[in-house]
Protein backbone atom coordinates (compact mmCIF):
# COMPACT_ATOMS: atom_id res chain seq x y z
CA UNK A 1 -26.31 71.17 -83.16
CA UNK A 2 -29.57 71.47 -85.05
CA UNK A 3 -30.75 68.16 -83.57
CA UNK A 4 -29.95 69.42 -80.06
CA UNK A 5 -32.04 72.53 -80.64
CA UNK A 6 -34.92 70.42 -81.83
CA UNK A 7 -34.68 68.19 -78.76
CA UNK A 8 -34.40 71.19 -76.47
CA UNK A 9 -37.42 72.82 -78.12
CA UNK A 10 -39.38 69.62 -77.78
CA UNK A 11 -38.54 69.47 -74.08
CA UNK A 12 -39.68 73.05 -73.58
CA UNK A 13 -42.98 72.34 -75.31
CA UNK A 14 -43.42 69.18 -73.24
CA UNK A 15 -42.74 71.01 -69.98
CA UNK A 16 -45.11 73.83 -71.00
CA UNK A 17 -47.87 71.36 -71.86
CA UNK A 18 -47.28 69.47 -68.62
CA UNK A 19 -47.70 72.58 -66.50
CA UNK A 20 -50.69 73.69 -68.58
CA UNK A 21 -52.42 70.36 -68.01
CA UNK A 22 -51.57 70.48 -64.32
CA UNK A 23 -52.91 74.00 -64.07
CA UNK A 24 -56.16 72.94 -65.75
CA UNK A 25 -56.36 69.99 -63.42
CA UNK A 26 -55.82 72.28 -60.42
CA UNK A 27 -58.52 74.62 -61.70
CA UNK A 28 -60.95 71.72 -61.72
CA UNK A 29 -60.16 71.16 -58.05
CA UNK A 30 -60.77 74.79 -57.02
CA UNK A 31 -63.94 76.80 -56.49
CA UNK A 32 -64.73 80.27 -55.21
CA UNK A 33 -67.48 80.72 -52.64
CA UNK A 34 -68.99 83.93 -51.25
CA UNK A 35 -70.40 84.67 -47.78
CA UNK A 36 -70.66 87.71 -45.56
CA UNK A 37 -68.81 88.48 -42.31
CA UNK A 38 -67.12 85.08 -42.21
CA UNK A 39 -65.21 85.82 -38.99
CA UNK A 40 -68.42 86.48 -37.03
CA UNK A 41 -70.36 83.61 -38.62
CA UNK A 42 -68.27 81.00 -36.87
CA UNK A 43 -69.79 78.02 -38.67
CA UNK A 44 -68.62 79.03 -42.17
CA UNK A 45 -64.94 78.10 -41.82
CA UNK A 46 -65.67 74.71 -40.17
CA UNK A 47 -68.12 73.93 -42.99
CA UNK A 48 -65.48 74.68 -45.60
CA UNK A 49 -62.70 72.82 -43.78
CA UNK A 50 -64.91 69.76 -43.31
CA UNK A 51 -65.68 69.73 -47.04
CA UNK A 52 -61.98 69.97 -47.89
CA UNK A 53 -61.21 67.15 -45.46
CA UNK A 54 -63.84 64.98 -47.14
CA UNK A 55 -62.47 65.92 -50.58
CA UNK A 56 -58.64 65.82 -50.50
CA UNK A 57 -56.94 68.06 -53.02
CA UNK A 58 -59.82 70.52 -53.28
CA UNK A 59 -59.00 74.20 -52.86
CA UNK A 60 -61.57 76.82 -51.89
CA UNK A 61 -61.19 80.57 -52.17
CA UNK A 62 -63.54 82.42 -49.82
CA UNK A 63 -64.85 85.82 -50.87
CA UNK A 64 -65.71 87.53 -47.59
CA UNK A 65 -67.95 90.60 -47.99
CA UNK A 66 -69.22 92.92 -45.21
CA UNK A 67 -72.82 92.13 -44.32
CA UNK A 68 -74.16 95.61 -45.09
CA UNK A 69 -72.71 95.49 -48.61
CA UNK A 70 -73.24 91.84 -49.42
CA UNK A 71 -76.43 91.86 -51.49
CA UNK A 72 -75.36 94.87 -53.55
CA UNK A 73 -71.80 93.59 -54.05
CA UNK A 74 -73.07 90.16 -55.06
CA UNK A 75 -75.38 91.75 -57.63
CA UNK A 76 -72.51 93.77 -59.10
CA UNK A 77 -70.28 90.69 -59.20
CA UNK A 78 -72.85 88.54 -60.98
CA UNK A 79 -73.79 91.28 -63.42
CA UNK A 80 -70.11 91.72 -64.23
CA UNK A 81 -69.61 88.03 -65.02
CA UNK A 82 -67.77 87.11 -61.83
CA UNK A 83 -66.26 83.63 -61.71
CA UNK A 84 -67.58 82.97 -58.18
CA UNK A 85 -68.91 79.42 -58.26
CA UNK A 86 -71.13 79.21 -55.17
CA UNK A 87 -72.70 81.83 -52.96
CA UNK A 88 -75.00 82.04 -50.00
CA UNK A 89 -77.95 84.40 -50.60
CA UNK A 90 -78.21 86.67 -47.57
CA UNK A 91 -81.74 87.93 -48.31
CA UNK A 92 -83.54 84.80 -49.41
CA UNK A 93 -86.45 86.71 -50.92
CA UNK A 94 -84.08 88.15 -53.56
CA UNK A 95 -83.53 84.68 -55.06
CA UNK A 96 -86.22 85.10 -57.70
CA UNK A 97 -84.79 88.38 -58.99
CA UNK A 98 -81.36 86.75 -59.34
CA UNK A 99 -82.95 83.79 -61.11
CA UNK A 100 -84.81 86.13 -63.45
CA UNK A 101 -81.47 87.55 -64.56
CA UNK A 102 -80.39 84.04 -65.58
CA UNK A 103 -77.59 83.94 -63.00
CA UNK A 104 -78.58 80.80 -61.07
CA UNK A 105 -77.78 77.32 -62.32
CA UNK A 106 -80.56 74.74 -62.34
CA UNK A 107 -79.88 72.16 -59.63
CA UNK A 108 -82.75 69.85 -60.63
CA UNK A 109 -80.58 67.38 -62.55
CA UNK A 110 -78.09 67.03 -59.71
CA UNK A 111 -80.87 66.56 -57.14
CA UNK A 112 -82.49 63.85 -59.25
CA UNK A 113 -79.18 62.13 -59.96
CA UNK A 114 -78.17 62.04 -56.29
CA UNK A 115 -81.67 61.17 -55.07
CA UNK A 116 -81.98 64.23 -52.81
CA UNK A 117 -85.39 64.42 -51.11
CA UNK A 118 -86.69 67.98 -51.08
CA UNK A 119 -89.20 66.92 -48.41
CA UNK A 120 -86.29 66.79 -45.94
CA UNK A 121 -86.27 70.61 -45.96
CA UNK A 122 -89.66 71.07 -44.20
CA UNK A 123 -91.37 72.52 -47.23
CA UNK A 124 -88.80 75.28 -47.83
CA UNK A 125 -86.88 73.81 -50.79
CA UNK A 126 -89.92 73.92 -53.08
CA UNK A 127 -90.00 77.71 -52.70
CA UNK A 128 -86.87 77.97 -54.84
CA UNK A 129 -88.40 76.31 -57.90
CA UNK A 130 -89.07 78.87 -60.63
CA UNK A 131 -90.16 77.85 -64.14
CA UNK A 132 -89.56 74.20 -63.18
CA UNK A 133 -85.94 74.96 -62.26
CA UNK A 134 -84.52 74.44 -58.77
CA UNK A 135 -82.42 77.56 -58.33
CA UNK A 136 -81.11 77.09 -54.76
CA UNK A 137 -81.26 74.86 -51.70
CA UNK A 138 -81.87 75.91 -48.07
CA UNK A 139 -78.56 76.04 -46.19
CA UNK A 140 -79.92 77.30 -42.87
CA UNK A 141 -83.20 78.43 -41.44
CA UNK A 142 -84.83 80.09 -38.45
CA UNK A 143 -88.41 79.76 -37.31
CA UNK A 144 -90.79 80.87 -34.59
CA UNK A 145 -91.36 78.99 -31.33
CA UNK A 146 -92.96 80.00 -28.04
CA UNK A 147 -90.56 81.04 -25.25
CA UNK A 148 -91.83 80.92 -21.68
CA UNK A 149 -90.66 81.86 -18.20
CA UNK A 150 -90.80 78.79 -15.95
CA UNK A 151 -90.64 80.83 -12.74
CA UNK A 152 -93.85 82.70 -13.57
CA UNK A 153 -95.66 79.46 -14.41
CA UNK A 154 -94.39 77.74 -11.27
CA UNK A 155 -95.31 80.66 -9.01
CA UNK A 156 -98.86 80.61 -10.36
CA UNK A 157 -99.01 76.80 -10.42
CA UNK A 158 -99.96 76.73 -14.07
CA UNK A 159 -98.71 73.89 -16.32
CA UNK A 160 -96.12 74.80 -18.93
CA UNK A 161 -97.37 75.34 -22.51
CA UNK A 162 -97.89 72.21 -24.59
CA UNK A 163 -96.48 71.63 -28.05
CA UNK A 164 -100.01 71.52 -29.48
CA UNK A 165 -101.80 74.75 -28.62
CA UNK A 166 -103.99 77.05 -30.70
CA UNK A 167 -103.68 80.83 -30.68
CA UNK A 168 -107.02 81.04 -28.87
CA UNK A 169 -105.61 78.80 -26.13
CA UNK A 170 -102.50 80.96 -25.92
CA UNK A 171 -104.64 84.08 -25.52
CA UNK A 172 -106.55 82.48 -22.63
CA UNK A 173 -103.29 81.28 -21.06
CA UNK A 174 -101.83 84.79 -21.27
CA UNK A 175 -104.87 86.09 -19.41
CA UNK A 176 -104.31 83.61 -16.59
CA UNK A 177 -100.64 84.52 -16.32
CA UNK A 178 -101.09 88.32 -16.23
CA UNK A 179 -100.67 89.86 -12.78
CA UNK A 180 -99.59 92.99 -10.90
CA UNK A 181 -99.52 96.58 -12.08
CA UNK A 182 -97.15 99.43 -12.87
CA UNK A 183 -93.46 98.56 -12.86
CA UNK A 184 -94.25 95.25 -11.15
CA UNK A 185 -96.71 94.08 -13.78
CA UNK A 186 -96.14 90.71 -15.40
CA UNK A 187 -97.69 90.33 -18.83
CA UNK A 188 -98.99 86.92 -19.75
CA UNK A 189 -97.82 87.40 -23.33
CA UNK A 190 -95.62 89.64 -25.41
CA UNK A 191 -96.00 90.57 -29.06
CA UNK A 192 -93.04 92.53 -30.35
CA UNK A 193 -93.62 95.63 -32.49
CA UNK A 194 -92.57 93.90 -35.73
CA UNK A 195 -95.53 93.41 -38.05
CA UNK A 196 -94.38 89.79 -38.35
CA UNK A 197 -95.48 89.20 -34.76
CA UNK A 198 -99.10 89.63 -35.82
CA UNK A 199 -99.18 89.10 -39.57
CA UNK A 200 -97.15 85.87 -39.52
CA UNK A 201 -99.95 84.05 -37.73
CA UNK A 202 -102.22 84.91 -40.66
CA UNK A 203 -99.97 83.14 -43.17
CA UNK A 204 -98.91 80.29 -40.89
CA UNK A 205 -101.25 77.77 -42.52
CA UNK A 206 -99.50 78.24 -45.86
CA UNK A 207 -102.65 79.22 -47.75
CA UNK A 208 -101.73 82.87 -48.25
CA UNK A 209 -98.65 85.08 -48.52
CA UNK A 210 -97.98 88.75 -47.91
CA UNK A 211 -98.15 89.27 -51.70
CA UNK A 212 -101.96 89.02 -51.84
CA UNK A 213 -104.36 91.82 -52.73
CA UNK A 214 -106.97 90.75 -50.16
CA UNK A 215 -105.67 90.66 -46.59
CA UNK A 216 -108.78 89.47 -44.79
CA UNK A 217 -106.77 86.48 -43.53
CA UNK A 218 -104.91 88.90 -41.22
CA UNK A 219 -108.13 89.83 -39.40
CA UNK A 220 -108.16 87.08 -36.70
CA UNK A 221 -104.58 87.86 -35.72
CA UNK A 222 -105.23 91.60 -35.46
CA UNK A 223 -108.44 91.06 -33.51
CA UNK A 224 -106.53 88.86 -31.05
CA UNK A 225 -103.66 91.35 -30.71
CA UNK A 226 -105.99 94.30 -30.04
CA UNK A 227 -108.10 92.29 -27.58
CA UNK A 228 -105.01 91.29 -25.63
CA UNK A 229 -103.70 94.85 -25.75
CA UNK A 230 -106.96 96.26 -24.44
CA UNK A 231 -107.20 93.62 -21.70
CA UNK A 232 -103.60 94.29 -20.63
CA UNK A 233 -102.43 90.74 -21.37
CA UNK A 234 -99.64 92.18 -23.54
CA UNK A 235 -97.80 95.50 -23.31
CA UNK A 236 -99.46 97.92 -25.69
CA UNK A 237 -97.78 98.71 -28.98
CA UNK A 238 -97.54 102.46 -28.39
CA UNK A 239 -95.71 102.06 -25.08
CA UNK A 240 -93.19 99.71 -26.65
CA UNK A 241 -92.60 101.96 -29.66
CA UNK A 242 -92.29 105.22 -27.71
CA UNK A 243 -90.11 103.64 -25.03
CA UNK A 244 -87.95 101.80 -27.58
CA UNK A 245 -88.57 98.61 -25.60
CA UNK A 246 -87.19 95.42 -27.07
CA UNK A 247 -88.64 91.96 -26.61
CA UNK A 248 -85.30 90.59 -25.38
CA UNK A 249 -84.97 92.95 -22.41
CA UNK A 250 -88.63 92.56 -21.42
CA UNK A 251 -88.50 88.77 -21.48
CA UNK A 252 -85.08 88.45 -19.85
CA UNK A 253 -85.98 90.71 -16.93
CA UNK A 254 -89.05 88.58 -16.22
CA UNK A 255 -91.77 90.99 -17.39
CA UNK A 256 -93.45 88.51 -19.75
CA UNK A 257 -94.55 84.92 -19.18
CA UNK A 258 -94.67 83.92 -22.86
CA UNK A 259 -93.15 85.25 -26.06
CA UNK A 260 -93.58 84.06 -29.67
CA UNK A 261 -90.17 84.66 -31.23
CA UNK A 262 -87.63 83.12 -33.59
CA UNK A 263 -85.03 80.48 -32.84
CA UNK A 264 -82.33 83.12 -33.33
CA UNK A 265 -83.16 84.34 -29.79
CA UNK A 266 -81.66 81.18 -28.24
CA UNK A 267 -78.08 82.40 -28.27
CA UNK A 268 -79.03 85.73 -26.69
CA UNK A 269 -80.91 84.06 -23.84
CA UNK A 270 -78.10 81.60 -23.16
CA UNK A 271 -75.39 84.29 -23.26
CA UNK A 272 -77.29 86.72 -21.05
CA UNK A 273 -77.92 84.06 -18.42
CA UNK A 274 -74.31 82.84 -18.60
CA UNK A 275 -73.11 86.44 -18.07
CA UNK A 276 -75.44 86.87 -15.08
CA UNK A 277 -77.41 89.56 -16.94
CA UNK A 278 -80.58 87.53 -16.37
CA UNK A 279 -81.61 84.87 -13.89
CA UNK A 280 -84.81 83.56 -15.47
CA UNK A 281 -85.51 79.88 -15.94
CA UNK A 282 -86.82 79.44 -19.45
CA UNK A 283 -88.34 76.89 -21.74
CA UNK A 284 -89.71 76.62 -25.25
CA UNK A 285 -92.70 74.95 -26.85
CA UNK A 286 -93.86 74.65 -30.44
CA UNK A 287 -95.45 77.82 -31.83
CA UNK A 288 -99.24 78.00 -31.29
CA UNK A 289 -101.16 77.38 -34.49
CA UNK A 290 -104.41 78.54 -36.12
CA UNK A 291 -107.41 76.20 -35.84
CA UNK A 292 -107.08 75.21 -39.50
CA UNK A 293 -103.38 74.27 -39.23
CA UNK A 294 -101.93 71.27 -37.47
CA UNK A 295 -99.34 71.16 -34.75
CA UNK A 296 -95.81 71.79 -36.00
CA UNK A 297 -96.70 74.35 -38.66
CA UNK A 298 -94.66 77.47 -38.08
CA UNK A 299 -93.31 80.54 -39.87
CA UNK A 300 -89.70 81.41 -40.59
CA UNK A 301 -87.05 82.40 -43.08
CA UNK A 302 -84.35 80.60 -45.04
CA UNK A 303 -80.80 81.36 -46.11
CA UNK A 304 -80.28 79.56 -49.43
CA UNK A 305 -77.09 78.59 -51.19
CA UNK A 306 -76.85 78.66 -54.99
CA UNK A 307 -74.56 78.00 -57.95
CA UNK A 308 -73.53 80.68 -60.41
CA UNK A 309 -74.79 79.87 -63.90
CA UNK A 310 -71.46 81.19 -65.17
CA UNK A 311 -69.45 78.72 -63.08
CA UNK A 312 -66.91 76.75 -65.12
CA UNK A 313 -66.69 74.04 -62.47
CA UNK A 314 -70.31 73.12 -61.85
CA UNK A 315 -69.73 69.53 -60.75
CA UNK A 316 -67.46 70.54 -57.88
CA UNK A 317 -69.74 73.48 -57.08
CA UNK A 318 -72.66 71.08 -56.76
CA UNK A 319 -70.57 68.75 -54.60
CA UNK A 320 -69.97 71.67 -52.24
CA UNK A 321 -73.67 72.67 -52.16
CA UNK A 322 -74.70 69.08 -51.57
CA UNK A 323 -72.29 68.85 -48.63
CA UNK A 324 -73.40 72.14 -47.06
CA UNK A 325 -77.11 71.26 -47.32
CA UNK A 326 -76.62 67.58 -46.54
CA UNK A 327 -76.44 65.63 -43.32
CA UNK A 328 -72.79 66.44 -42.56
CA UNK A 329 -73.31 70.14 -43.15
CA UNK A 330 -76.44 70.04 -41.02
CA UNK A 331 -74.50 68.57 -38.10
CA UNK A 332 -71.92 71.35 -38.29
CA UNK A 333 -74.60 74.06 -38.41
CA UNK A 334 -76.32 72.43 -35.42
CA UNK A 335 -73.09 72.22 -33.40
CA UNK A 336 -72.93 76.04 -33.56
CA UNK A 337 -76.55 76.45 -32.48
CA UNK A 338 -77.67 77.24 -36.03
CA UNK A 339 -80.67 75.57 -37.62
CA UNK A 340 -79.76 73.81 -40.85
CA UNK A 341 -82.10 73.88 -43.81
CA UNK A 342 -82.30 70.09 -43.59
CA UNK A 343 -83.41 69.05 -40.12
CA UNK A 344 -83.94 65.63 -38.60
CA UNK A 345 -84.05 64.07 -35.15
CA UNK A 346 -80.26 63.93 -34.95
CA UNK A 347 -79.63 67.59 -35.71
CA UNK A 348 -82.41 68.65 -33.34
CA UNK A 349 -80.83 66.55 -30.59
CA UNK A 350 -77.49 68.27 -31.22
CA UNK A 351 -79.06 71.71 -30.84
CA UNK A 352 -81.14 70.64 -27.83
CA UNK A 353 -78.03 69.29 -26.08
CA UNK A 354 -76.03 72.51 -26.41
CA UNK A 355 -75.05 74.07 -23.06
CA UNK A 356 -77.82 76.28 -21.71
CA UNK A 357 -80.68 74.84 -23.79
CA UNK A 358 -83.76 73.93 -21.72
CA UNK A 359 -85.19 70.46 -21.27
CA UNK A 360 -87.70 69.34 -23.88
CA UNK A 361 -86.20 71.49 -26.64
CA UNK A 362 -85.92 68.67 -29.17
CA UNK A 363 -89.64 67.94 -28.99
CA UNK A 364 -90.58 71.62 -29.19
CA UNK A 365 -88.36 72.16 -32.24
CA UNK A 366 -89.71 69.22 -34.24
CA UNK A 367 -91.73 71.16 -36.82
CA UNK A 368 -93.56 69.80 -39.85
CA UNK A 369 -93.65 72.83 -42.11
CA UNK A 370 -92.00 76.24 -42.23
CA UNK A 371 -94.03 78.85 -44.10
CA UNK A 372 -91.76 81.60 -45.36
CA UNK A 373 -92.64 85.01 -43.93
CA UNK A 374 -91.36 86.72 -47.09
CA UNK A 375 -91.99 84.65 -50.24
CA UNK A 376 -89.63 84.51 -53.21
CA UNK A 377 -91.43 87.15 -55.24
CA UNK A 378 -90.52 90.36 -57.01
CA UNK A 379 -91.38 93.56 -55.11
CA UNK A 380 -91.71 91.65 -51.84
CA UNK A 381 -89.55 94.29 -50.12
CA UNK A 382 -91.91 97.09 -51.14
CA UNK A 383 -94.93 95.09 -50.04
CA UNK A 384 -93.32 94.27 -46.70
CA UNK A 385 -92.55 97.94 -46.03
CA UNK A 386 -96.10 98.95 -46.90
CA UNK A 387 -97.57 96.30 -44.59
CA UNK A 388 -95.38 97.59 -41.77
CA UNK A 389 -96.73 101.11 -42.20
CA UNK A 390 -100.35 99.99 -42.07
CA UNK A 391 -99.57 97.64 -39.18
CA UNK A 392 -98.42 100.55 -37.02
CA UNK A 393 -101.63 102.49 -37.67
CA UNK A 394 -103.80 99.50 -36.73
CA UNK A 395 -101.87 98.69 -33.55
CA UNK A 396 -101.91 102.35 -32.47
CA UNK A 397 -105.67 102.22 -33.16
CA UNK A 398 -105.41 105.27 -35.39
CA UNK A 399 -107.40 103.34 -37.99
CA UNK A 400 -109.73 100.35 -37.70
CA UNK A 401 -108.70 96.86 -38.65
CA UNK A 402 -110.98 96.97 -41.68
CA UNK A 403 -109.58 100.32 -42.82
CA UNK A 404 -106.07 98.98 -42.46
CA UNK A 405 -106.84 95.80 -44.41
CA UNK A 406 -108.48 97.85 -47.16
CA UNK A 407 -105.45 100.14 -47.32
CA UNK A 408 -103.14 97.13 -47.56
CA UNK A 409 -105.17 95.67 -50.42
CA UNK A 410 -105.27 98.93 -52.35
CA UNK A 411 -101.58 99.68 -51.91
CA UNK A 412 -100.60 96.10 -52.77
CA UNK A 413 -102.47 96.36 -56.07
CA UNK A 414 -100.72 99.64 -56.82
CA UNK A 415 -97.25 98.28 -56.05
CA UNK A 416 -97.78 95.08 -58.05
CA UNK A 417 -99.59 96.80 -60.91
CA UNK A 418 -102.65 94.60 -60.63
C-alpha cells in the first residue's frame, strides 16, 4: 500500500512538472502587443495574422486601446510594470521621454545580428537612437507631396508639375495658374492653416529642427507665403481661419490647382471621387524643395514600434518587430494604402497600383529622405504649440516676420531653459 502511494505521488509530481514545463513553453510562444483602435486601423489584424502564419504555434494577445486614451494609458501601463511585450507608439515624438524612463529595450544588438540596414528607412530610423541605443524602428510613415488638379492644368495648357521643382518655381507656377475672382476664383496654390504648411519647408533640408532658439531659417518660407497671399495666388490665412475652410474641401471642389499635403490625403481623395462627392482629375508630384536640398527630400512623421524593456520574451518580441518593419510587413501596409517605414520600389508600386491612384504615383513617391516635422525631443509639444501661436500672428500680419521669429526664439529659450 505504501509503495502504491509513493508511485501515485510520483505520478502526480510528474504530471505537475509536465504541465508546468508545457506552460512555460507556451509562455515563450506568446507575446502581448498594444495598438489603438484596431478595428478602424484595418492593417493591424492582417499584420498579426501574417506573422502568426509565418510562425506556427505563436500566440498573440492584442491590447486594443481607444485612440484618445492611448498615449496616457500606455504610460500608465509601462509605469506600472505591465507585461506588454511590444507596442506601437502613437505620438512618435514621445519616444525619447519613454526611453528616458528606461522602458524601451535596446534593439541595436538584434539589428546588427540580423544585418538590418537602417538606411532602408529613408533617414527616419536614426532618429530613434538615444545614447547609442536604438529604441524603436519605424513601422509606418507619412510624408508631404504636391497634389494637383489636372483639369486646371489642361484648361490652361500648362504642363503638370515635375518631380524636381524648387519652391520658387512652385510660387511662379501658382501665379500662372491663378484665375477668376469671387466665388469662381481658382487659386494656383493652397497652403493650409497648419503652421507645418509653412514651417516644414524651413526644416526640409534637415539642417534645423523646430527645437532651435534661432528661427531665421523659417524666413524664406514666410516671405513666400505672405507674397503669395498678397498676390492672391493662395487663399489668405484669415479667410480660411474665419470661414473654417479645410484644404480637403477646397481642393476637391476644384478651387486650387496645387496643394502641398501629406500622403494621408490619398484615401480621402479616392473615397470622395468614388462616392461622386468630387469629380476632379488629380495627380501628385514630389514635394518642391529648397534650393539647398536635392529632389526627393521631404518632411513627414513616423509611427514607431518598440519593445518593452520589461518584456520576458524579448527574442519573440524582436521577431515580431522585425516582421512588422520588414519587407513582408511593408507589403501588407502598402496593400492597405499605408506607407511603411521601410519603403522600396516594390512597396511603392503596390501603393501606386491601388484603385483610384493616379498615373505616375510611384515616381512621385520615390523620396530620398524624410525629415521629421517633430523631432524626438523633450518639450517638443510645448515648442510646437508656441510656434503655432506665433505662426497665426505672422500670417494674419498682426506682427512682422522678424517680430514673430524673435518671439519664437525668446519663447523657445524660456521653454527649454536655455
